[in-house]
Amino acid sequence: MKIEITSKIIEITPAIRERIESRFDKLERLQVPLITPHVIVSKERLMFIVEATAGIPNGKLFAQAEHEDLYAAITELGQKLERQINRHTEKPIARRSAAAGKEVPLPDEADA
């Protein structure tokens, strides 16, 4: 997968690029295709800020993470994106179960 990585303040070293790509490889294992992922790395004072956007079928993901350590911020960003993908994939299942639960009458209502 081709990931676009942008930074205005710090230079993107091969180690940073590899870390970001490894986090996105973990996201690919969730069987959801990521469309044009873009990562922006910036630094404000002592904090590194990492932002990512990626398109998915029927939606778009966005996450932002801040940390004093750049690699910790990348890891946190990956975890946030993973939670969003899980929420997106489990959403239809959750809606079907909620709708099925409403159709079943409660025992107290049937007796009344």
C-alpha atoms as a PDB file:
ATOM      1  CA  MET A   1       0.000   0.000   0.000  1.00  0.00           C
ATOM      2  CA  LYS A   2       1.211   3.476  -0.831  1.00  0.00           C
ATOM      3  CA  ILE A   3       0.970   5.806   2.163  1.00  0.00           C
ATOM      4  CA  GLU A   4       1.485   9.515   1.658  1.00  0.00           C
ATOM      5  CA  ILE A   5       3.483  10.935   4.580  1.00  0.00           C
ATOM      6  CA  THR A   6       3.852  14.699   4.975  1.00  0.00           C
ATOM      7  CA  SER A   7       5.847  16.753   7.446  1.00  0.00           C
ATOM      8  CA  LYS A   8       6.837  20.396   7.401  1.00  0.00           C
ATOM      9  CA  ILE A   9       8.959  20.530  10.529  1.00  0.00           C
ATOM     10  CA  ILE A  10      10.846  17.253  10.850  1.00  0.00           C
ATOM     11  CA  GLU A  11      12.454  15.068   8.219  1.00  0.00           C
ATOM     12  CA  ILE A  12      10.749  11.738   7.608  1.00  0.00           C
ATOM     13  CA  THR A  13      13.507   9.188   8.153  1.00  0.00           C
ATOM     14  CA  PRO A  14      13.298   5.608   6.874  1.00  0.00           C
ATOM     15  CA  ALA A  15      12.698   4.426  10.458  1.00  0.00           C
ATOM     16  CA  ILE A  16       9.692   6.744  10.875  1.00  0.00           C
ATOM     17  CA  ARG A  17       8.330   5.697   7.468  1.00  0.00           C
ATOM     18  CA  GLU A  18       8.754   2.023   8.358  1.00  0.00           C
ATOM     19  CA  ARG A  19       6.957   2.476  11.695  1.00  0.00           C
ATOM     20  CA  ILE A  20       3.991   4.181  10.035  1.00  0.00           C
ATOM     21  CA  GLU A  21       3.815   1.552   7.295  1.00  0.00           C
ATOM     22  CA  SER A  22       3.928  -1.275   9.850  1.00  0.00           C
ATOM     23  CA  ARG A  23       0.955   0.245  11.729  1.00  0.00           C
ATOM     24  CA  PHE A  24      -1.018   0.508   8.491  1.00  0.00           C
ATOM     25  CA  ASP A  25      -0.086  -3.087   7.613  1.00  0.00           C
ATOM     26  CA  LYS A  26      -1.766  -4.133  10.862  1.00  0.00           C
ATOM     27  CA  LEU A  27      -4.870  -2.204   9.797  1.00  0.00           C
ATOM     28  CA  GLU A  28      -4.916  -4.017   6.450  1.00  0.00           C
ATOM     29  CA  ARG A  29      -5.262  -7.324   8.296  1.00  0.00           C
ATOM     30  CA  LEU A  30      -8.757  -6.257   9.358  1.00  0.00           C
ATOM     31  CA  GLN A  31      -9.957  -6.932   5.789  1.00  0.00           C
ATOM     32  CA  VAL A  32     -11.085  -3.343   5.125  1.00  0.00           C
ATOM     33  CA  PRO A  33      -9.449  -1.671   2.109  1.00  0.00           C
ATOM     34  CA  LEU A  34      -7.881   1.698   2.937  1.00  0.00           C
ATOM     35  CA  ILE A  35      -8.175   4.197   0.104  1.00  0.00           C
ATOM     36  CA  THR A  36      -5.434   6.846  -0.241  1.00  0.00           C
ATOM     37  CA  PRO A  37      -4.125   6.957   3.348  1.00  0.00           C
ATOM     38  CA  HIS A  38      -2.409  10.243   4.236  1.00  0.00           C
ATOM     39  CA  VAL A  39      -0.367  10.866   7.389  1.00  0.00           C
ATOM     40  CA  ILE A  40       0.723  14.312   8.589  1.00  0.00           C
ATOM     41  CA  VAL A  41       3.486  14.586  11.188  1.00  0.00           C
ATOM     42  CA  SER A  42       4.033  17.877  13.003  1.00  0.00           C
ATOM     43  CA  LYS A  43       5.551  19.159  16.206  1.00  0.00           C
ATOM     44  CA  GLU A  44       4.263  21.864  18.543  1.00  0.00           C
ATOM     45  CA  ARG A  45       6.537  22.782  21.394  1.00  0.00           C
ATOM     46  CA  LEU A  46       7.416  19.454  23.047  1.00  0.00           C
ATOM     47  CA  MET A  47       4.588  17.387  21.596  1.00  0.00           C
ATOM     48  CA  PHE A  48       4.519  15.436  18.344  1.00  0.00           C
ATOM     49  CA  ILE A  49       1.157  15.494  16.581  1.00  0.00           C
ATOM     50  CA  VAL A  50       0.343  12.753  14.091  1.00  0.00           C
ATOM     51  CA  GLU A  51      -2.842  12.956  11.996  1.00  0.00           C
ATOM     52  CA  ALA A  52      -4.134  10.394   9.526  1.00  0.00           C
ATOM     53  CA  THR A  53      -6.970  10.298   7.034  1.00  0.00           C
ATOM     54  CA  ALA A  54      -8.007   7.329   4.932  1.00  0.00           C
ATOM     55  CA  GLY A  55     -11.027   6.499   2.889  1.00  0.00           C
ATOM     56  CA  ILE A  56     -12.878   3.239   3.370  1.00  0.00           C
ATOM     57  CA  PRO A  57     -15.880   1.879   1.480  1.00  0.00           C
ATOM     58  CA  ASN A  58     -18.927   3.898   2.594  1.00  0.00           C
ATOM     59  CA  GLY A  59     -16.957   6.209   4.867  1.00  0.00           C
ATOM     60  CA  LYS A  60     -13.820   8.046   5.857  1.00  0.00           C
ATOM     61  CA  LEU A  61     -11.469   7.650   8.812  1.00  0.00           C
ATOM     62  CA  PHE A  62      -9.690  10.444  10.668  1.00  0.00           C
ATOM     63  CA  ALA A  63      -7.546  10.177  13.769  1.00  0.00           C
ATOM     64  CA  GLN A  64      -5.133  12.445  15.612  1.00  0.00           C
ATOM     65  CA  ALA A  65      -2.661  11.561  18.356  1.00  0.00           C
ATOM     66  CA  GLU A  66      -0.327  13.678  20.502  1.00  0.00           C
ATOM     67  CA  HIS A  67       2.612  12.458  22.550  1.00  0.00           C
ATOM     68  CA  GLU A  68       6.096  13.547  23.590  1.00  0.00           C
ATOM     69  CA  ASP A  69       7.557  10.506  21.800  1.00  0.00           C
ATOM     70  CA  LEU A  70       6.926  10.310  18.044  1.00  0.00           C
ATOM     71  CA  TYR A  71       6.814   6.512  17.978  1.00  0.00           C
ATOM     72  CA  ALA A  72       4.306   6.417  20.850  1.00  0.00           C
ATOM     73  CA  ALA A  73       2.132   8.922  18.961  1.00  0.00           C
ATOM     74  CA  ILE A  74       2.235   6.697  15.859  1.00  0.00           C
ATOM     75  CA  THR A  75       1.226   3.670  17.933  1.00  0.00           C
ATOM     76  CA  GLU A  76      -1.651   5.593  19.542  1.00  0.00           C
ATOM     77  CA  LEU A  77      -2.793   6.768  16.104  1.00  0.00           C
ATOM     78  CA  GLY A  78      -2.846   3.195  14.836  1.00  0.00           C
ATOM     79  CA  GLN A  79      -4.929   2.086  17.816  1.00  0.00           C
ATOM     80  CA  LYS A  80      -7.462   4.857  17.218  1.00  0.00           C
ATOM     81  CA  LEU A  81      -7.790   3.947  13.545  1.00  0.00           C
ATOM     82  CA  GLU A  82      -8.169   0.271  14.461  1.00  0.00           C
ATOM     83  CA  ARG A  83     -11.043   1.092  16.838  1.00  0.00           C
ATOM     84  CA  GLN A  84     -12.764   3.135  14.115  1.00  0.00           C
ATOM     85  CA  ILE A  85     -12.441   0.300  11.603  1.00  0.00           C
ATOM     86  CA  ASN A  86     -13.811  -2.215  14.122  1.00  0.00           C
ATOM     87  CA  ARG A  87     -16.733   0.086  14.886  1.00  0.00           C
ATOM     88  CA  HIS A  88     -17.410   0.489  11.154  1.00  0.00           C
ATOM     89  CA  THR A  89     -17.355  -3.250  10.446  1.00  0.00           C
ATOM     90  CA  GLU A  90     -19.455  -4.217  13.494  1.00  0.00           C
ATOM     91  CA  LYS A  91     -22.076  -1.486  13.002  1.00  0.00           C
ATOM     92  CA  PRO A  92     -24.446  -3.431  10.681  1.00  0.00           C
ATOM     93  CA  ILE A  93     -24.412  -6.414  13.037  1.00  0.00           C
ATOM     94  CA  ALA A  94     -25.224  -4.216  16.033  1.00  0.00           C
ATOM     95  CA  ARG A  95     -28.133  -2.565  14.218  1.00  0.00           C
ATOM     96  CA  ARG A  96     -29.652  -5.891  13.198  1.00  0.00           C
ATOM     97  CA  SER A  97     -29.506  -7.260  16.730  1.00  0.00           C
ATOM     98  CA  ALA A  98     -31.038  -4.080  18.155  1.00  0.00           C
ATOM     99  CA  ALA A  99     -33.883  -4.202  15.635  1.00  0.00           C
ATOM    100  CA  ALA A 100     -34.528  -7.883  16.361  1.00  0.00           C
ATOM    101  CA  GLY A 101     -34.668  -7.176  20.100  1.00  0.00           C
ATOM    102  CA  LYS A 102     -37.387  -4.550  19.675  1.00  0.00           C
ATOM    103  CA  GLU A 103     -39.706  -6.886  17.766  1.00  0.00           C
ATOM    104  CA  VAL A 104     -39.794  -9.494  20.526  1.00  0.00           C
ATOM    105  CA  PRO A 105     -42.456  -8.582  23.144  1.00  0.00           C
ATOM    106  CA  LEU A 106     -41.450  -8.661  26.770  1.00  0.00           C
ATOM    107  CA  PRO A 107     -43.144 -11.307  28.983  1.00  0.00           C
ATOM    108  CA  ASP A 108     -44.805  -8.639  31.191  1.00  0.00           C
ATOM    109  CA  GLU A 109     -46.464  -6.959  28.180  1.00  0.00           C
ATOM    110  CA  ALA A 110     -47.859 -10.263  26.831  1.00  0.00           C
ATOM    111  CA  ASP A 111     -49.616 -11.018  30.156  1.00  0.00           C
ATOM    112  CA  ALA A 112     -51.157  -7.545  30.503  1.00  0.00           C
END
